[in-house]
């Protein structure tokens, strides 16, 4: 399961890095993916939307039981 999550996150990372940010996988627990967002992305007004719609939807395609994505760097 973690390999799938890391694969999806690694696909997102180049786009975030271009914007001055980054994301890293922390853990998968109780159907939630925990990530750490850093750089400019961590202070972006759109962070909540990006996590709740963008990253969540990409991960949900691979993990149907996924309930949410939580940014632990807040």
N, C-alpha and C. Protein backbone atom coordinates (compact mmCIF):
# COMPACT_ATOMS: atom_id res chain seq x y z
N UNK A 1 0.83 -1.19 0.00
CA UNK A 1 0.00 0.00 0.00
C UNK A 1 0.87 1.26 0.00
N UNK A 2 1.88 1.27 0.86
CA UNK A 2 2.74 2.45 0.95
C UNK A 2 3.46 2.73 -0.36
N UNK A 3 3.81 1.67 -1.10
CA UNK A 3 4.49 1.86 -2.39
C UNK A 3 3.60 2.60 -3.37
N UNK A 4 2.31 2.27 -3.40
CA UNK A 4 1.36 2.96 -4.27
C UNK A 4 1.25 4.43 -3.89
N UNK A 5 1.16 4.69 -2.60
CA UNK A 5 1.04 6.07 -2.11
C UNK A 5 2.28 6.88 -2.50
N UNK A 6 3.44 6.31 -2.26
CA UNK A 6 4.69 7.01 -2.58
C UNK A 6 4.79 7.26 -4.09
N UNK A 7 4.35 6.32 -4.89
CA UNK A 7 4.37 6.48 -6.34
C UNK A 7 3.50 7.66 -6.77
N UNK A 8 2.31 7.77 -6.20
CA UNK A 8 1.42 8.90 -6.53
C UNK A 8 2.04 10.21 -6.06
N UNK A 9 2.55 10.24 -4.85
CA UNK A 9 3.15 11.46 -4.32
C UNK A 9 4.38 11.86 -5.12
N UNK A 10 5.19 10.88 -5.53
CA UNK A 10 6.36 11.19 -6.35
C UNK A 10 5.97 11.77 -7.70
N UNK A 11 4.78 11.43 -8.18
CA UNK A 11 4.27 12.01 -9.43
C UNK A 11 3.83 13.45 -9.26
N UNK A 12 3.45 13.82 -8.07
CA UNK A 12 2.99 15.19 -7.77
C UNK A 12 4.17 16.11 -7.45
N UNK A 13 5.19 15.57 -6.83
CA UNK A 13 6.31 16.37 -6.33
C UNK A 13 6.93 17.33 -7.34
N UNK A 14 7.20 16.91 -8.58
CA UNK A 14 7.84 17.85 -9.52
C UNK A 14 7.04 19.14 -9.72
N UNK A 15 5.72 19.03 -9.72
CA UNK A 15 4.87 20.21 -9.90
C UNK A 15 4.95 21.13 -8.68
N UNK A 16 4.99 20.54 -7.51
CA UNK A 16 5.10 21.35 -6.30
C UNK A 16 6.48 22.00 -6.19
N UNK A 17 7.50 21.27 -6.57
CA UNK A 17 8.86 21.80 -6.52
C UNK A 17 9.00 23.00 -7.45
N UNK A 18 8.35 22.95 -8.61
CA UNK A 18 8.37 24.09 -9.54
C UNK A 18 7.78 25.34 -8.91
N UNK A 19 6.86 25.15 -7.98
CA UNK A 19 6.20 26.28 -7.31
C UNK A 19 6.89 26.66 -6.00
N UNK A 20 8.02 26.00 -5.71
CA UNK A 20 8.76 26.33 -4.50
C UNK A 20 8.34 25.54 -3.27
N UNK A 21 7.63 24.47 -3.48
CA UNK A 21 7.17 23.65 -2.37
C UNK A 21 7.61 22.21 -2.50
N UNK A 22 7.10 21.39 -1.64
CA UNK A 22 7.40 19.96 -1.68
C UNK A 22 6.39 19.22 -0.82
N UNK A 23 6.34 17.91 -0.99
CA UNK A 23 5.46 17.05 -0.20
C UNK A 23 6.18 15.74 0.05
N UNK A 24 6.01 15.20 1.24
CA UNK A 24 6.59 13.89 1.52
C UNK A 24 5.58 13.03 2.26
N UNK A 25 5.62 11.75 1.97
CA UNK A 25 4.77 10.78 2.63
C UNK A 25 5.30 10.53 4.03
N UNK A 26 4.41 10.51 5.02
CA UNK A 26 4.80 10.25 6.40
C UNK A 26 4.34 8.85 6.81
N UNK A 27 3.03 8.59 6.66
CA UNK A 27 2.52 7.27 7.03
C UNK A 27 1.12 7.07 6.47
N UNK A 28 0.71 5.82 6.46
CA UNK A 28 -0.66 5.44 6.12
C UNK A 28 -1.22 4.69 7.32
N UNK A 29 -2.31 5.22 7.89
CA UNK A 29 -2.85 4.63 9.11
C UNK A 29 -4.36 4.84 9.16
N UNK A 30 -5.09 3.79 9.45
CA UNK A 30 -6.54 3.86 9.62
C UNK A 30 -7.24 4.52 8.43
N UNK A 31 -6.81 4.17 7.23
CA UNK A 31 -7.37 4.68 5.98
C UNK A 31 -7.13 6.17 5.75
N UNK A 32 -6.12 6.72 6.41
CA UNK A 32 -5.72 8.11 6.18
C UNK A 32 -4.26 8.13 5.76
N UNK A 33 -3.95 9.01 4.81
CA UNK A 33 -2.57 9.23 4.39
C UNK A 33 -2.10 10.51 5.07
N UNK A 34 -0.97 10.43 5.73
CA UNK A 34 -0.37 11.58 6.39
C UNK A 34 0.81 12.05 5.56
N UNK A 35 0.82 13.34 5.25
CA UNK A 35 1.89 13.93 4.44
C UNK A 35 2.44 15.14 5.17
N UNK A 36 3.61 15.57 4.73
CA UNK A 36 4.21 16.79 5.24
C UNK A 36 4.47 17.69 4.04
N UNK A 37 3.78 18.81 4.00
CA UNK A 37 3.94 19.78 2.92
C UNK A 37 4.89 20.86 3.41
N UNK A 38 5.81 21.27 2.55
CA UNK A 38 6.80 22.26 2.97
C UNK A 38 7.01 23.32 1.89
N UNK A 39 7.79 24.32 2.23
CA UNK A 39 8.09 25.39 1.30
C UNK A 39 6.90 26.30 1.07
N UNK A 40 6.84 26.88 -0.11
CA UNK A 40 5.76 27.81 -0.43
C UNK A 40 4.39 27.15 -0.38
N UNK A 41 4.33 25.87 -0.65
CA UNK A 41 3.04 25.17 -0.63
C UNK A 41 2.42 25.17 0.76
N UNK A 42 3.25 25.16 1.79
CA UNK A 42 2.74 25.11 3.16
C UNK A 42 2.03 26.40 3.55
N UNK A 43 2.34 27.50 2.89
CA UNK A 43 1.71 28.78 3.21
C UNK A 43 0.71 29.22 2.14
N UNK A 44 0.48 28.38 1.16
CA UNK A 44 -0.42 28.71 0.06
C UNK A 44 -1.88 28.70 0.52
N UNK A 45 -2.65 29.68 0.08
CA UNK A 45 -4.07 29.75 0.42
C UNK A 45 -4.86 28.57 -0.14
N UNK A 46 -4.34 27.94 -1.18
CA UNK A 46 -5.03 26.84 -1.85
C UNK A 46 -4.64 25.47 -1.28
N UNK A 47 -3.82 25.43 -0.26
CA UNK A 47 -3.33 24.15 0.27
C UNK A 47 -4.46 23.21 0.66
N UNK A 48 -5.42 23.69 1.38
CA UNK A 48 -6.54 22.84 1.79
C UNK A 48 -7.28 22.25 0.61
N UNK A 49 -7.52 23.07 -0.39
CA UNK A 49 -8.20 22.60 -1.60
C UNK A 49 -7.35 21.58 -2.33
N UNK A 50 -6.06 21.87 -2.46
CA UNK A 50 -5.16 20.95 -3.16
C UNK A 50 -5.10 19.60 -2.46
N UNK A 51 -5.04 19.60 -1.16
CA UNK A 51 -4.99 18.33 -0.42
C UNK A 51 -6.33 17.62 -0.49
N UNK A 52 -7.42 18.33 -0.22
CA UNK A 52 -8.73 17.70 -0.14
C UNK A 52 -9.31 17.30 -1.48
N UNK A 53 -8.93 17.97 -2.54
CA UNK A 53 -9.48 17.63 -3.85
C UNK A 53 -8.43 17.00 -4.75
N UNK A 54 -7.30 17.65 -4.91
CA UNK A 54 -6.29 17.17 -5.84
C UNK A 54 -5.59 15.90 -5.37
N UNK A 55 -4.86 15.98 -4.29
CA UNK A 55 -4.07 14.85 -3.81
C UNK A 55 -4.98 13.71 -3.35
N UNK A 56 -6.02 14.04 -2.65
CA UNK A 56 -6.96 13.01 -2.19
C UNK A 56 -7.54 12.24 -3.37
N UNK A 57 -7.99 12.94 -4.40
CA UNK A 57 -8.60 12.26 -5.55
C UNK A 57 -7.61 11.37 -6.27
N UNK A 58 -6.37 11.82 -6.41
CA UNK A 58 -5.35 10.99 -7.06
C UNK A 58 -5.09 9.72 -6.25
N UNK A 59 -4.98 9.87 -4.95
CA UNK A 59 -4.73 8.72 -4.09
C UNK A 59 -5.95 7.79 -4.01
N UNK A 60 -7.13 8.36 -4.05
CA UNK A 60 -8.38 7.58 -3.95
C UNK A 60 -8.51 6.62 -5.13
N UNK A 61 -7.97 6.98 -6.28
CA UNK A 61 -7.99 6.08 -7.44
C UNK A 61 -7.20 4.80 -7.15
N UNK A 62 -6.15 4.92 -6.38
CA UNK A 62 -5.31 3.77 -6.04
C UNK A 62 -5.76 3.06 -4.76
N UNK A 63 -6.39 3.82 -3.87
CA UNK A 63 -6.79 3.28 -2.56
C UNK A 63 -8.27 3.59 -2.34
N UNK A 64 -9.15 2.74 -2.82
CA UNK A 64 -10.59 3.02 -2.72
C UNK A 64 -11.10 3.26 -1.30
N UNK A 65 -10.46 2.66 -0.30
CA UNK A 65 -10.91 2.81 1.09
C UNK A 65 -10.39 4.08 1.76
N UNK A 66 -9.62 4.87 1.04
CA UNK A 66 -9.03 6.08 1.61
C UNK A 66 -10.10 7.03 2.12
N UNK A 67 -9.91 7.51 3.34
CA UNK A 67 -10.88 8.43 3.94
C UNK A 67 -10.41 9.88 3.93
N UNK A 68 -9.09 10.10 3.81
CA UNK A 68 -8.62 11.48 3.79
C UNK A 68 -7.11 11.56 3.74
N UNK A 69 -6.65 12.78 3.50
CA UNK A 69 -5.22 13.10 3.48
C UNK A 69 -5.02 14.20 4.52
N UNK A 70 -4.06 13.99 5.41
CA UNK A 70 -3.82 14.94 6.51
C UNK A 70 -2.42 15.48 6.40
N UNK A 71 -2.31 16.81 6.37
CA UNK A 71 -1.02 17.48 6.35
C UNK A 71 -0.58 17.70 7.79
N UNK A 72 0.51 17.07 8.20
CA UNK A 72 0.95 17.17 9.60
C UNK A 72 1.84 18.37 9.83
N UNK A 73 2.18 19.13 8.79
CA UNK A 73 3.08 20.26 8.98
C UNK A 73 2.37 21.54 9.39
N UNK A 74 1.06 21.47 9.57
CA UNK A 74 0.29 22.65 9.98
C UNK A 74 0.37 22.81 11.47
